[in-house]
Each structure stands twice: as structure tokens, then as C-alpha cells.
ModelCIF file with pLDDT and N, C-alpha, C, O atoms, coordinates in Angstrom:
data_MODEL
#
_entry.id   MODEL 
#
_entity.id                         1 
_entity.type                       polymer 
_entity.pdbx_number_of_molecules   1 
#
_entity_poly.entity_id                      1 
_entity_poly.type                           'polypeptide(L)' 
_entity_poly.nstd_linkage                   no 
_entity_poly.nstd_monomer                   no 
_entity_poly.pdbx_seq_one_letter_code       
;(UNK)(UNK)(UNK)(UNK)(UNK)(UNK)(UNK)(UNK)(UNK)(UNK)(UNK)(UNK)(UNK)(UNK)(UNK)(UNK)
(UNK)(UNK)(UNK)(UNK)(UNK)(UNK)(UNK)(UNK)(UNK)(UNK)(UNK)(UNK)(UNK)(UNK)(UNK)(UNK)
(UNK)(UNK)(UNK)(UNK)(UNK)(UNK)(UNK)(UNK)(UNK)(UNK)(UNK)(UNK)(UNK)(UNK)(UNK)(UNK)
;
_entity_poly.pdbx_seq_one_letter_code_can   XXXXXXXXXXXXXXXXXXXXXXXXXXXXXXXXXXXXXXXXXXXXXXXX 
_entity_poly.pdbx_strand_id                 A 
#
loop_
_entity_poly_seq.entity_id 
_entity_poly_seq.num 
_entity_poly_seq.mon_id 
_entity_poly_seq.hetero 
1 1  UNK n 
1 2  UNK n 
1 3  UNK n 
1 4  UNK n 
1 5  UNK n 
1 6  UNK n 
1 7  UNK n 
1 8  UNK n 
1 9  UNK n 
1 10 UNK n 
1 11 UNK n 
1 12 UNK n 
1 13 UNK n 
1 14 UNK n 
1 15 UNK n 
1 16 UNK n 
1 17 UNK n 
1 18 UNK n 
1 19 UNK n 
1 20 UNK n 
1 21 UNK n 
1 22 UNK n 
1 23 UNK n 
1 24 UNK n 
1 25 UNK n 
1 26 UNK n 
1 27 UNK n 
1 28 UNK n 
1 29 UNK n 
1 30 UNK n 
1 31 UNK n 
1 32 UNK n 
1 33 UNK n 
1 34 UNK n 
1 35 UNK n 
1 36 UNK n 
1 37 UNK n 
1 38 UNK n 
1 39 UNK n 
1 40 UNK n 
1 41 UNK n 
1 42 UNK n 
1 43 UNK n 
1 44 UNK n 
1 45 UNK n 
1 46 UNK n 
1 47 UNK n 
1 48 UNK n 
#
_struct_asym.id          A 
_struct_asym.entity_id   1 
#
loop_
_ma_qa_metric.id 
_ma_qa_metric.mode 
_ma_qa_metric.name 
_ma_qa_metric.software_group_id 
_ma_qa_metric.type 
1 global pLDDT . pLDDT 
2 local  pLDDT . pLDDT 
#
_ma_qa_metric_global.metric_id      1 
_ma_qa_metric_global.metric_value   97.04 
_ma_qa_metric_global.model_id       1 
_ma_qa_metric_global.ordinal_id     1 
#
loop_
_ma_qa_metric_local.label_asym_id 
_ma_qa_metric_local.label_comp_id 
_ma_qa_metric_local.label_seq_id 
_ma_qa_metric_local.metric_id 
_ma_qa_metric_local.metric_value 
_ma_qa_metric_local.model_id 
_ma_qa_metric_local.ordinal_id 
A UNK 1  2 98.00 1 1  
A UNK 2  2 98.00 1 2  
A UNK 3  2 98.00 1 3  
A UNK 4  2 98.00 1 4  
A UNK 5  2 98.00 1 5  
A UNK 6  2 96.00 1 6  
A UNK 7  2 93.00 1 7  
A UNK 8  2 92.00 1 8  
A UNK 9  2 96.00 1 9  
A UNK 10 2 97.00 1 10 
A UNK 11 2 98.00 1 11 
A UNK 12 2 98.00 1 12 
A UNK 13 2 98.00 1 13 
A UNK 14 2 98.00 1 14 
A UNK 15 2 98.00 1 15 
A UNK 16 2 97.00 1 16 
A UNK 17 2 98.00 1 17 
A UNK 18 2 97.00 1 18 
A UNK 19 2 97.00 1 19 
A UNK 20 2 98.00 1 20 
A UNK 21 2 98.00 1 21 
A UNK 22 2 98.00 1 22 
A UNK 23 2 98.00 1 23 
A UNK 24 2 98.00 1 24 
A UNK 25 2 97.00 1 25 
A UNK 26 2 96.00 1 26 
A UNK 27 2 93.00 1 27 
A UNK 28 2 92.00 1 28 
A UNK 29 2 94.00 1 29 
A UNK 30 2 94.00 1 30 
A UNK 31 2 96.00 1 31 
A UNK 32 2 97.00 1 32 
A UNK 33 2 98.00 1 33 
A UNK 34 2 98.00 1 34 
A UNK 35 2 98.00 1 35 
A UNK 36 2 98.00 1 36 
A UNK 37 2 98.00 1 37 
A UNK 38 2 98.00 1 38 
A UNK 39 2 98.00 1 39 
A UNK 40 2 98.00 1 40 
A UNK 41 2 97.00 1 41 
A UNK 42 2 97.00 1 42 
A UNK 43 2 98.00 1 43 
A UNK 44 2 98.00 1 44 
A UNK 45 2 98.00 1 45 
A UNK 46 2 98.00 1 46 
A UNK 47 2 98.00 1 47 
A UNK 48 2 98.00 1 48 
#
loop_
_atom_site.group_PDB 
_atom_site.id 
_atom_site.type_symbol 
_atom_site.label_atom_id 
_atom_site.label_alt_id 
_atom_site.label_comp_id 
_atom_site.label_asym_id 
_atom_site.label_entity_id 
_atom_site.label_seq_id 
_atom_site.pdbx_PDB_ins_code 
_atom_site.Cartn_x 
_atom_site.Cartn_y 
_atom_site.Cartn_z 
_atom_site.occupancy 
_atom_site.B_iso_or_equiv 
_atom_site.pdbx_formal_charge 
_atom_site.auth_seq_id 
_atom_site.auth_comp_id 
_atom_site.auth_asym_id 
_atom_site.auth_atom_id 
_atom_site.pdbx_PDB_model_num 
ATOM 1   N N  . UNK A 1 1  ? 10.774  -0.056  -0.535  1.00 98.00 ? 1  UNK A N  1 
ATOM 2   C CA . UNK A 1 1  ? 9.526   -0.721  -0.855  1.00 98.00 ? 1  UNK A CA 1 
ATOM 3   C C  . UNK A 1 1  ? 8.549   -0.613  0.305   1.00 98.00 ? 1  UNK A C  1 
ATOM 4   O O  . UNK A 1 1  ? 8.941   -0.728  1.467   1.00 98.00 ? 1  UNK A O  1 
ATOM 5   N N  . UNK A 1 2  ? 7.284   -0.392  -0.008  1.00 98.00 ? 2  UNK A N  1 
ATOM 6   C CA . UNK A 1 2  ? 6.251   -0.213  1.008   1.00 98.00 ? 2  UNK A CA 1 
ATOM 7   C C  . UNK A 1 2  ? 5.237   -1.347  0.995   1.00 98.00 ? 2  UNK A C  1 
ATOM 8   O O  . UNK A 1 2  ? 4.970   -1.954  2.032   1.00 98.00 ? 2  UNK A O  1 
ATOM 9   N N  . UNK A 1 3  ? 4.672   -1.637  -0.171  1.00 98.00 ? 3  UNK A N  1 
ATOM 10  C CA . UNK A 1 3  ? 3.621   -2.641  -0.270  1.00 98.00 ? 3  UNK A CA 1 
ATOM 11  C C  . UNK A 1 3  ? 3.518   -3.138  -1.699  1.00 98.00 ? 3  UNK A C  1 
ATOM 12  O O  . UNK A 1 3  ? 3.906   -2.442  -2.637  1.00 98.00 ? 3  UNK A O  1 
ATOM 13  N N  . UNK A 1 4  ? 2.994   -4.344  -1.860  1.00 98.00 ? 4  UNK A N  1 
ATOM 14  C CA . UNK A 1 4  ? 2.807   -4.922  -3.181  1.00 98.00 ? 4  UNK A CA 1 
ATOM 15  C C  . UNK A 1 4  ? 1.550   -5.768  -3.204  1.00 98.00 ? 4  UNK A C  1 
ATOM 16  O O  . UNK A 1 4  ? 1.108   -6.283  -2.178  1.00 98.00 ? 4  UNK A O  1 
ATOM 17  N N  . UNK A 1 5  ? 0.984   -5.903  -4.391  1.00 98.00 ? 5  UNK A N  1 
ATOM 18  C CA . UNK A 1 5  ? -0.200  -6.730  -4.571  1.00 98.00 ? 5  UNK A CA 1 
ATOM 19  C C  . UNK A 1 5  ? -0.090  -7.467  -5.899  1.00 98.00 ? 5  UNK A C  1 
ATOM 20  O O  . UNK A 1 5  ? 0.197   -6.859  -6.930  1.00 98.00 ? 5  UNK A O  1 
ATOM 21  N N  . UNK A 1 6  ? -0.318  -8.769  -5.872  1.00 96.00 ? 6  UNK A N  1 
ATOM 22  C CA . UNK A 1 6  ? -0.220  -9.576  -7.072  1.00 96.00 ? 6  UNK A CA 1 
ATOM 23  C C  . UNK A 1 6  ? -1.478  -9.442  -7.919  1.00 96.00 ? 6  UNK A C  1 
ATOM 24  O O  . UNK A 1 6  ? -2.466  -8.841  -7.497  1.00 96.00 ? 6  UNK A O  1 
ATOM 25  N N  . UNK A 1 7  ? -1.427  -10.004 -9.108  1.00 93.00 ? 7  UNK A N  1 
ATOM 26  C CA . UNK A 1 7  ? -2.583  -9.961  -9.993  1.00 93.00 ? 7  UNK A CA 1 
ATOM 27  C C  . UNK A 1 7  ? -3.806  -10.593 -9.341  1.00 93.00 ? 7  UNK A C  1 
ATOM 28  O O  . UNK A 1 7  ? -4.932  -10.143 -9.552  1.00 93.00 ? 7  UNK A O  1 
ATOM 29  N N  . UNK A 1 8  ? -3.583  -11.623 -8.557  1.00 92.00 ? 8  UNK A N  1 
ATOM 30  C CA . UNK A 1 8  ? -4.676  -12.303 -7.890  1.00 92.00 ? 8  UNK A CA 1 
ATOM 31  C C  . UNK A 1 8  ? -5.126  -11.673 -6.591  1.00 92.00 ? 8  UNK A C  1 
ATOM 32  O O  . UNK A 1 8  ? -6.101  -12.126 -5.993  1.00 92.00 ? 8  UNK A O  1 
ATOM 33  N N  . UNK A 1 9  ? -4.432  -10.628 -6.138  1.00 96.00 ? 9  UNK A N  1 
ATOM 34  C CA . UNK A 1 9  ? -4.853  -9.918  -4.948  1.00 96.00 ? 9  UNK A CA 1 
ATOM 35  C C  . UNK A 1 9  ? -4.089  -10.227 -3.680  1.00 96.00 ? 9  UNK A C  1 
ATOM 36  O O  . UNK A 1 9  ? -4.456  -9.730  -2.615  1.00 96.00 ? 9  UNK A O  1 
ATOM 37  N N  . UNK A 1 10 ? -3.041  -11.028 -3.750  1.00 97.00 ? 10 UNK A N  1 
ATOM 38  C CA . UNK A 1 10 ? -2.225  -11.294 -2.578  1.00 97.00 ? 10 UNK A CA 1 
ATOM 39  C C  . UNK A 1 10 ? -1.388  -10.070 -2.232  1.00 97.00 ? 10 UNK A C  1 
ATOM 40  O O  . UNK A 1 10 ? -0.749  -9.486  -3.107  1.00 97.00 ? 10 UNK A O  1 
ATOM 41  N N  . UNK A 1 11 ? -1.388  -9.681  -0.964  1.00 98.00 ? 11 UNK A N  1 
ATOM 42  C CA . UNK A 1 11 ? -0.699  -8.465  -0.544  1.00 98.00 ? 11 UNK A CA 1 
ATOM 43  C C  . UNK A 1 11 ? 0.463   -8.751  0.386   1.00 98.00 ? 11 UNK A C  1 
ATOM 44  O O  . UNK A 1 11 ? 0.476   -9.749  1.106   1.00 98.00 ? 11 UNK A O  1 
ATOM 45  N N  . UNK A 1 12 ? 1.440   -7.852  0.357   1.00 98.00 ? 12 UNK A N  1 
ATOM 46  C CA . UNK A 1 12 ? 2.587   -7.890  1.255   1.00 98.00 ? 12 UNK A CA 1 
ATOM 47  C C  . UNK A 1 12 ? 2.958   -6.468  1.640   1.00 98.00 ? 12 UNK A C  1 
ATOM 48  O O  . UNK A 1 12 ? 2.802   -5.537  0.850   1.00 98.00 ? 12 UNK A O  1 
ATOM 49  N N  . UNK A 1 13 ? 3.456   -6.308  2.873   1.00 98.00 ? 13 UNK A N  1 
ATOM 50  C CA . UNK A 1 13 ? 3.764   -4.988  3.396   1.00 98.00 ? 13 UNK A CA 1 
ATOM 51  C C  . UNK A 1 13 ? 5.107   -4.955  4.095   1.00 98.00 ? 13 UNK A C  1 
ATOM 52  O O  . UNK A 1 13 ? 5.555   -5.950  4.667   1.00 98.00 ? 13 UNK A O  1 
ATOM 53  N N  . UNK A 1 14 ? 5.742   -3.796  4.040   1.00 98.00 ? 14 UNK A N  1 
ATOM 54  C CA . UNK A 1 14 ? 6.920   -3.566  4.858   1.00 98.00 ? 14 UNK A CA 1 
ATOM 55  C C  . UNK A 1 14 ? 6.500   -3.530  6.323   1.00 98.00 ? 14 UNK A C  1 
ATOM 56  O O  . UNK A 1 14 ? 5.391   -3.105  6.648   1.00 98.00 ? 14 UNK A O  1 
ATOM 57  N N  . UNK A 1 15 ? 7.385   -3.973  7.197   1.00 98.00 ? 15 UNK A N  1 
ATOM 58  C CA . UNK A 1 15 ? 7.057   -4.008  8.617   1.00 98.00 ? 15 UNK A CA 1 
ATOM 59  C C  . UNK A 1 15 ? 6.676   -2.629  9.156   1.00 98.00 ? 15 UNK A C  1 
ATOM 60  O O  . UNK A 1 15 ? 5.845   -2.525  10.059  1.00 98.00 ? 15 UNK A O  1 
ATOM 61  N N  . UNK A 1 16 ? 7.268   -1.590  8.618   1.00 97.00 ? 16 UNK A N  1 
ATOM 62  C CA . UNK A 1 16 ? 7.034   -0.247  9.117   1.00 97.00 ? 16 UNK A CA 1 
ATOM 63  C C  . UNK A 1 16 ? 5.613   0.264   8.866   1.00 97.00 ? 16 UNK A C  1 
ATOM 64  O O  . UNK A 1 16 ? 5.171   1.204   9.526   1.00 97.00 ? 16 UNK A O  1 
ATOM 65  N N  . UNK A 1 17 ? 4.901   -0.343  7.923   1.00 98.00 ? 17 UNK A N  1 
ATOM 66  C CA . UNK A 1 17 ? 3.555   0.127   7.593   1.00 98.00 ? 17 UNK A CA 1 
ATOM 67  C C  . UNK A 1 17 ? 2.490   -0.931  7.814   1.00 98.00 ? 17 UNK A C  1 
ATOM 68  O O  . UNK A 1 17 ? 1.299   -0.654  7.667   1.00 98.00 ? 17 UNK A O  1 
ATOM 69  N N  . UNK A 1 18 ? 2.899   -2.119  8.159   1.00 97.00 ? 18 UNK A N  1 
ATOM 70  C CA . UNK A 1 18 ? 1.953   -3.209  8.365   1.00 97.00 ? 18 UNK A CA 1 
ATOM 71  C C  . UNK A 1 18 ? 0.914   -2.824  9.418   1.00 97.00 ? 18 UNK A C  1 
ATOM 72  O O  . UNK A 1 18 ? 1.252   -2.242  10.449  1.00 97.00 ? 18 UNK A O  1 
ATOM 73  N N  . UNK A 1 19 ? -0.328  -3.149  9.155   1.00 97.00 ? 19 UNK A N  1 
ATOM 74  C CA . UNK A 1 19 ? -1.478  -2.876  10.022  1.00 97.00 ? 19 UNK A CA 1 
ATOM 75  C C  . UNK A 1 19 ? -1.937  -1.422  9.966   1.00 97.00 ? 19 UNK A C  1 
ATOM 76  O O  . UNK A 1 19 ? -2.930  -1.067  10.600  1.00 97.00 ? 19 UNK A O  1 
ATOM 77  N N  . UNK A 1 20 ? -1.239  -0.588  9.226   1.00 98.00 ? 20 UNK A N  1 
ATOM 78  C CA . UNK A 1 20 ? -1.649  0.804   9.054   1.00 98.00 ? 20 UNK A CA 1 
ATOM 79  C C  . UNK A 1 20 ? -2.015  1.126   7.608   1.00 98.00 ? 20 UNK A C  1 
ATOM 80  O O  . UNK A 1 20 ? -2.936  1.905   7.358   1.00 98.00 ? 20 UNK A O  1 
ATOM 81  N N  . UNK A 1 21 ? -1.301  0.532   6.660   1.00 98.00 ? 21 UNK A N  1 
ATOM 82  C CA . UNK A 1 21 ? -1.534  0.781   5.245   1.00 98.00 ? 21 UNK A CA 1 
ATOM 83  C C  . UNK A 1 21 ? -2.219  -0.423  4.613   1.00 98.00 ? 21 UNK A C  1 
ATOM 84  O O  . UNK A 1 21 ? -2.022  -1.560  5.041   1.00 98.00 ? 21 UNK A O  1 
ATOM 85  N N  . UNK A 1 22 ? -3.026  -0.159  3.590   1.00 98.00 ? 22 UNK A N  1 
ATOM 86  C CA . UNK A 1 22 ? -3.688  -1.206  2.844   1.00 98.00 ? 22 UNK A CA 1 
ATOM 87  C C  . UNK A 1 22 ? -3.548  -0.938  1.352   1.00 98.00 ? 22 UNK A C  1 
ATOM 88  O O  . UNK A 1 22 ? -3.935  0.125   0.867   1.00 98.00 ? 22 UNK A O  1 
ATOM 89  N N  . UNK A 1 23 ? -2.996  -1.900  0.630   1.00 98.00 ? 23 UNK A N  1 
ATOM 90  C CA . UNK A 1 23 ? -2.881  -1.779  -0.815  1.00 98.00 ? 23 UNK A CA 1 
ATOM 91  C C  . UNK A 1 23 ? -4.022  -2.554  -1.468  1.00 98.00 ? 23 UNK A C  1 
ATOM 92  O O  . UNK A 1 23 ? -4.399  -3.628  -0.999  1.00 98.00 ? 23 UNK A O  1 
ATOM 93  N N  . UNK A 1 24 ? -4.561  -2.012  -2.538  1.00 98.00 ? 24 UNK A N  1 
ATOM 94  C CA . UNK A 1 24 ? -5.634  -2.677  -3.268  1.00 98.00 ? 24 UNK A CA 1 
ATOM 95  C C  . UNK A 1 24 ? -5.511  -2.348  -4.747  1.00 98.00 ? 24 UNK A C  1 
ATOM 96  O O  . UNK A 1 24 ? -4.751  -1.459  -5.128  1.00 98.00 ? 24 UNK A O  1 
ATOM 97  N N  . UNK A 1 25 ? -6.254  -3.061  -5.575  1.00 97.00 ? 25 UNK A N  1 
ATOM 98  C CA . UNK A 1 25 ? -6.191  -2.812  -7.010  1.00 97.00 ? 25 UNK A CA 1 
ATOM 99  C C  . UNK A 1 25 ? -7.549  -3.029  -7.647  1.00 97.00 ? 25 UNK A C  1 
ATOM 100 O O  . UNK A 1 25 ? -8.399  -3.744  -7.115  1.00 97.00 ? 25 UNK A O  1 
ATOM 101 N N  . UNK A 1 26 ? -7.734  -2.407  -8.781  1.00 96.00 ? 26 UNK A N  1 
ATOM 102 C CA . UNK A 1 26 ? -8.919  -2.573  -9.595  1.00 96.00 ? 26 UNK A CA 1 
ATOM 103 C C  . UNK A 1 26 ? -8.426  -2.915  -10.995 1.00 96.00 ? 26 UNK A C  1 
ATOM 104 O O  . UNK A 1 26 ? -8.025  -2.033  -11.754 1.00 96.00 ? 26 UNK A O  1 
ATOM 105 N N  . UNK A 1 27 ? -8.460  -4.185  -11.327 1.00 93.00 ? 27 UNK A N  1 
ATOM 106 C CA . UNK A 1 27 ? -7.899  -4.629  -12.597 1.00 93.00 ? 27 UNK A CA 1 
ATOM 107 C C  . UNK A 1 27 ? -8.638  -4.057  -13.808 1.00 93.00 ? 27 UNK A C  1 
ATOM 108 O O  . UNK A 1 27 ? -8.029  -3.805  -14.848 1.00 93.00 ? 27 UNK A O  1 
ATOM 109 N N  . UNK A 1 28 ? -9.932  -3.857  -13.674 1.00 92.00 ? 28 UNK A N  1 
ATOM 110 C CA . UNK A 1 28 ? -10.711 -3.300  -14.774 1.00 92.00 ? 28 UNK A CA 1 
ATOM 111 C C  . UNK A 1 28 ? -10.316 -1.862  -15.079 1.00 92.00 ? 28 UNK A C  1 
ATOM 112 O O  . UNK A 1 28 ? -10.476 -1.396  -16.207 1.00 92.00 ? 28 UNK A O  1 
ATOM 113 N N  . UNK A 1 29 ? -9.797  -1.158  -14.074 1.00 94.00 ? 29 UNK A N  1 
ATOM 114 C CA . UNK A 1 29 ? -9.410  0.237   -14.236 1.00 94.00 ? 29 UNK A CA 1 
ATOM 115 C C  . UNK A 1 29 ? -7.901  0.429   -14.334 1.00 94.00 ? 29 UNK A C  1 
ATOM 116 O O  . UNK A 1 29 ? -7.426  1.560   -14.434 1.00 94.00 ? 29 UNK A O  1 
ATOM 117 N N  . UNK A 1 30 ? -7.151  -0.659  -14.308 1.00 94.00 ? 30 UNK A N  1 
ATOM 118 C CA . UNK A 1 30 ? -5.680  -0.584  -14.314 1.00 94.00 ? 30 UNK A CA 1 
ATOM 119 C C  . UNK A 1 30 ? -5.185  0.340   -13.211 1.00 94.00 ? 30 UNK A C  1 
ATOM 120 O O  . UNK A 1 30 ? -4.327  1.194   -13.433 1.00 94.00 ? 30 UNK A O  1 
ATOM 121 N N  . UNK A 1 31 ? -5.733  0.157   -12.036 1.00 96.00 ? 31 UNK A N  1 
ATOM 122 C CA . UNK A 1 31 ? -5.452  1.062   -10.931 1.00 96.00 ? 31 UNK A CA 1 
ATOM 123 C C  . UNK A 1 31 ? -4.948  0.323   -9.701  1.00 96.00 ? 31 UNK A C  1 
ATOM 124 O O  . UNK A 1 31 ? -5.307  -0.828  -9.455  1.00 96.00 ? 31 UNK A O  1 
ATOM 125 N N  . UNK A 1 32 ? -4.114  1.005   -8.939  1.00 97.00 ? 32 UNK A N  1 
ATOM 126 C CA . UNK A 1 32 ? -3.658  0.517   -7.648  1.00 97.00 ? 32 UNK A CA 1 
ATOM 127 C C  . UNK A 1 32 ? -3.796  1.655   -6.649  1.00 97.00 ? 32 UNK A C  1 
ATOM 128 O O  . UNK A 1 32 ? -3.575  2.820   -6.980  1.00 97.00 ? 32 UNK A O  1 
ATOM 129 N N  . UNK A 1 33 ? -4.165  1.303   -5.423  1.00 98.00 ? 33 UNK A N  1 
ATOM 130 C CA . UNK A 1 33 ? -4.421  2.296   -4.391  1.00 98.00 ? 33 UNK A CA 1 
ATOM 131 C C  . UNK A 1 33 ? -3.629  1.963   -3.136  1.00 98.00 ? 33 UNK A C  1 
ATOM 132 O O  . UNK A 1 33 ? -3.235  0.818   -2.916  1.00 98.00 ? 33 UNK A O  1 
ATOM 133 N N  . UNK A 1 34 ? -3.406  2.976   -2.324  1.00 98.00 ? 34 UNK A N  1 
ATOM 134 C CA . UNK A 1 34 ? -2.767  2.787   -1.030  1.00 98.00 ? 34 UNK A CA 1 
ATOM 135 C C  . UNK A 1 34 ? -3.519  3.607   -0.002  1.00 98.00 ? 34 UNK A C  1 
ATOM 136 O O  . UNK A 1 34 ? -3.430  4.835   0.016   1.00 98.00 ? 34 UNK A O  1 
ATOM 137 N N  . UNK A 1 35 ? -4.261  2.923   0.852   1.00 98.00 ? 35 UNK A N  1 
ATOM 138 C CA . UNK A 1 35 ? -4.954  3.570   1.956   1.00 98.00 ? 35 UNK A CA 1 
ATOM 139 C C  . UNK A 1 35 ? -3.996  3.643   3.132   1.00 98.00 ? 35 UNK A C  1 
ATOM 140 O O  . UNK A 1 35 ? -3.513  2.615   3.607   1.00 98.00 ? 35 UNK A O  1 
ATOM 141 N N  . UNK A 1 36 ? -3.719  4.849   3.603   1.00 98.00 ? 36 UNK A N  1 
ATOM 142 C CA . UNK A 1 36 ? -2.761  5.065   4.673   1.00 98.00 ? 36 UNK A CA 1 
ATOM 143 C C  . UNK A 1 36 ? -3.486  5.633   5.887   1.00 98.00 ? 36 UNK A C  1 
ATOM 144 O O  . UNK A 1 36 ? -4.023  6.739   5.838   1.00 98.00 ? 36 UNK A O  1 
ATOM 145 N N  . UNK A 1 37 ? -3.497  4.877   6.964   1.00 98.00 ? 37 UNK A N  1 
ATOM 146 C CA . UNK A 1 37 ? -4.131  5.290   8.204   1.00 98.00 ? 37 UNK A CA 1 
ATOM 147 C C  . UNK A 1 37 ? -3.091  5.431   9.307   1.00 98.00 ? 37 UNK A C  1 
ATOM 148 O O  . UNK A 1 37 ? -1.970  4.935   9.195   1.00 98.00 ? 37 UNK A O  1 
ATOM 149 N N  . UNK A 1 38 ? -3.485  6.113   10.369  1.00 98.00 ? 38 UNK A N  1 
ATOM 150 C CA . UNK A 1 38 ? -2.596  6.305   11.525  1.00 98.00 ? 38 UNK A CA 1 
ATOM 151 C C  . UNK A 1 38 ? -1.217  6.792   11.089  1.00 98.00 ? 38 UNK A C  1 
ATOM 152 O O  . UNK A 1 38 ? -0.194  6.260   11.517  1.00 98.00 ? 38 UNK A O  1 
ATOM 153 N N  . UNK A 1 39 ? -1.207  7.784   10.256  1.00 98.00 ? 39 UNK A N  1 
ATOM 154 C CA . UNK A 1 39 ? 0.050   8.276   9.697   1.00 98.00 ? 39 UNK A CA 1 
ATOM 155 C C  . UNK A 1 39 ? 0.951   8.864   10.775  1.00 98.00 ? 39 UNK A C  1 
ATOM 156 O O  . UNK A 1 39 ? 0.489   9.473   11.741  1.00 98.00 ? 39 UNK A O  1 
ATOM 157 N N  . UNK A 1 40 ? 2.242   8.663   10.581  1.00 98.00 ? 40 UNK A N  1 
ATOM 158 C CA . UNK A 1 40 ? 3.268   9.148   11.486  1.00 98.00 ? 40 UNK A CA 1 
ATOM 159 C C  . UNK A 1 40 ? 4.194   10.103  10.743  1.00 98.00 ? 40 UNK A C  1 
ATOM 160 O O  . UNK A 1 40 ? 4.291   10.031  9.518   1.00 98.00 ? 40 UNK A O  1 
ATOM 161 N N  . UNK A 1 41 ? 4.875   10.993  11.455  1.00 97.00 ? 41 UNK A N  1 
ATOM 162 C CA . UNK A 1 41 ? 5.845   11.861  10.780  1.00 97.00 ? 41 UNK A CA 1 
ATOM 163 C C  . UNK A 1 41 ? 6.887   11.080  9.992   1.00 97.00 ? 41 UNK A C  1 
ATOM 164 O O  . UNK A 1 41 ? 7.376   11.563  8.971   1.00 97.00 ? 41 UNK A O  1 
ATOM 165 N N  . UNK A 1 42 ? 7.233   9.890   10.447  1.00 97.00 ? 42 UNK A N  1 
ATOM 166 C CA . UNK A 1 42 ? 8.200   9.054   9.754   1.00 97.00 ? 42 UNK A CA 1 
ATOM 167 C C  . UNK A 1 42 ? 7.707   8.575   8.391   1.00 97.00 ? 42 UNK A C  1 
ATOM 168 O O  . UNK A 1 42 ? 8.499   8.093   7.581   1.00 97.00 ? 42 UNK A O  1 
ATOM 169 N N  . UNK A 1 43 ? 6.416   8.702   8.133   1.00 98.00 ? 43 UNK A N  1 
ATOM 170 C CA . UNK A 1 43 ? 5.859   8.317   6.838   1.00 98.00 ? 43 UNK A CA 1 
ATOM 171 C C  . UNK A 1 43 ? 6.049   9.398   5.784   1.00 98.00 ? 43 UNK A C  1 
ATOM 172 O O  . UNK A 1 43 ? 5.766   9.172   4.607   1.00 98.00 ? 43 UNK A O  1 
ATOM 173 N N  . UNK A 1 44 ? 6.518   10.555  6.187   1.00 98.00 ? 44 UNK A N  1 
ATOM 174 C CA . UNK A 1 44 ? 6.734   11.645  5.245   1.00 98.00 ? 44 UNK A CA 1 
ATOM 175 C C  . UNK A 1 44 ? 7.721   11.224  4.162   1.00 98.00 ? 44 UNK A C  1 
ATOM 176 O O  . UNK A 1 44 ? 8.847   10.823  4.455   1.00 98.00 ? 44 UNK A O  1 
ATOM 177 N N  . UNK A 1 45 ? 7.289   11.320  2.915   1.00 98.00 ? 45 UNK A N  1 
ATOM 178 C CA . UNK A 1 45 ? 8.113   10.882  1.794   1.00 98.00 ? 45 UNK A CA 1 
ATOM 179 C C  . UNK A 1 45 ? 7.381   11.162  0.495   1.00 98.00 ? 45 UNK A C  1 
ATOM 180 O O  . UNK A 1 45 ? 6.195   11.495  0.491   1.00 98.00 ? 45 UNK A O  1 
ATOM 181 N N  . UNK A 1 46 ? 8.101   11.023  -0.601  1.00 98.00 ? 46 UNK A N  1 
ATOM 182 C CA . UNK A 1 46 ? 7.481   10.985  -1.911  1.00 98.00 ? 46 UNK A CA 1 
ATOM 183 C C  . UNK A 1 46 ? 7.137   9.532   -2.200  1.00 98.00 ? 46 UNK A C  1 
ATOM 184 O O  . UNK A 1 46 ? 7.999   8.656   -2.120  1.00 98.00 ? 46 UNK A O  1 
ATOM 185 N N  . UNK A 1 47 ? 5.893   9.279   -2.532  1.00 98.00 ? 47 UNK A N  1 
ATOM 186 C CA . UNK A 1 47 ? 5.424   7.925   -2.783  1.00 98.00 ? 47 UNK A CA 1 
ATOM 187 C C  . UNK A 1 47 ? 5.304   7.674   -4.275  1.00 98.00 ? 47 UNK A C  1 
ATOM 188 O O  . UNK A 1 47 ? 4.764   8.499   -5.012  1.00 98.00 ? 47 UNK A O  1 
ATOM 189 N N  . UNK A 1 48 ? 5.813   6.526   -4.717  1.00 98.00 ? 48 UNK A N  1 
ATOM 190 C CA . UNK A 1 48 ? 5.821   6.158   -6.122  1.00 98.00 ? 48 UNK A CA 1 
ATOM 191 C C  . UNK A 1 48 ? 5.113   4.824   -6.326  1.00 98.00 ? 48 UNK A C  1 
ATOM 192 O O  . UNK A 1 48 ? 5.017   4.342   -7.454  1.00 98.00 ? 48 UNK A O  1 
#
């Protein structure tokens, strides 16, 4: 698990990505996003 966001917009992050990744959502578009900054080689993965 990397990050989660509730219907109301409350967010939680894994310690490994905290302060670098930001999760957000657009309820009108049924969309969720993950902004990833300061990426490290350890972040290499398939994201779901």
C-alpha cells in the first residue's frame, strides 16, 4: 500500500513516500491521482 484518500478527502501515506507523494481525487470525474516528486530508484514498481 502506498496512499489512500477517503470520500471526504482525508489522506494517508506509507512512511516510504510521505512528504514526496500526494494523492488527490476528483469525485465529479471518478478519478484519483498520485503526484510523485523527488522520485528514488526504490520507487520503481508497477503502480495500481
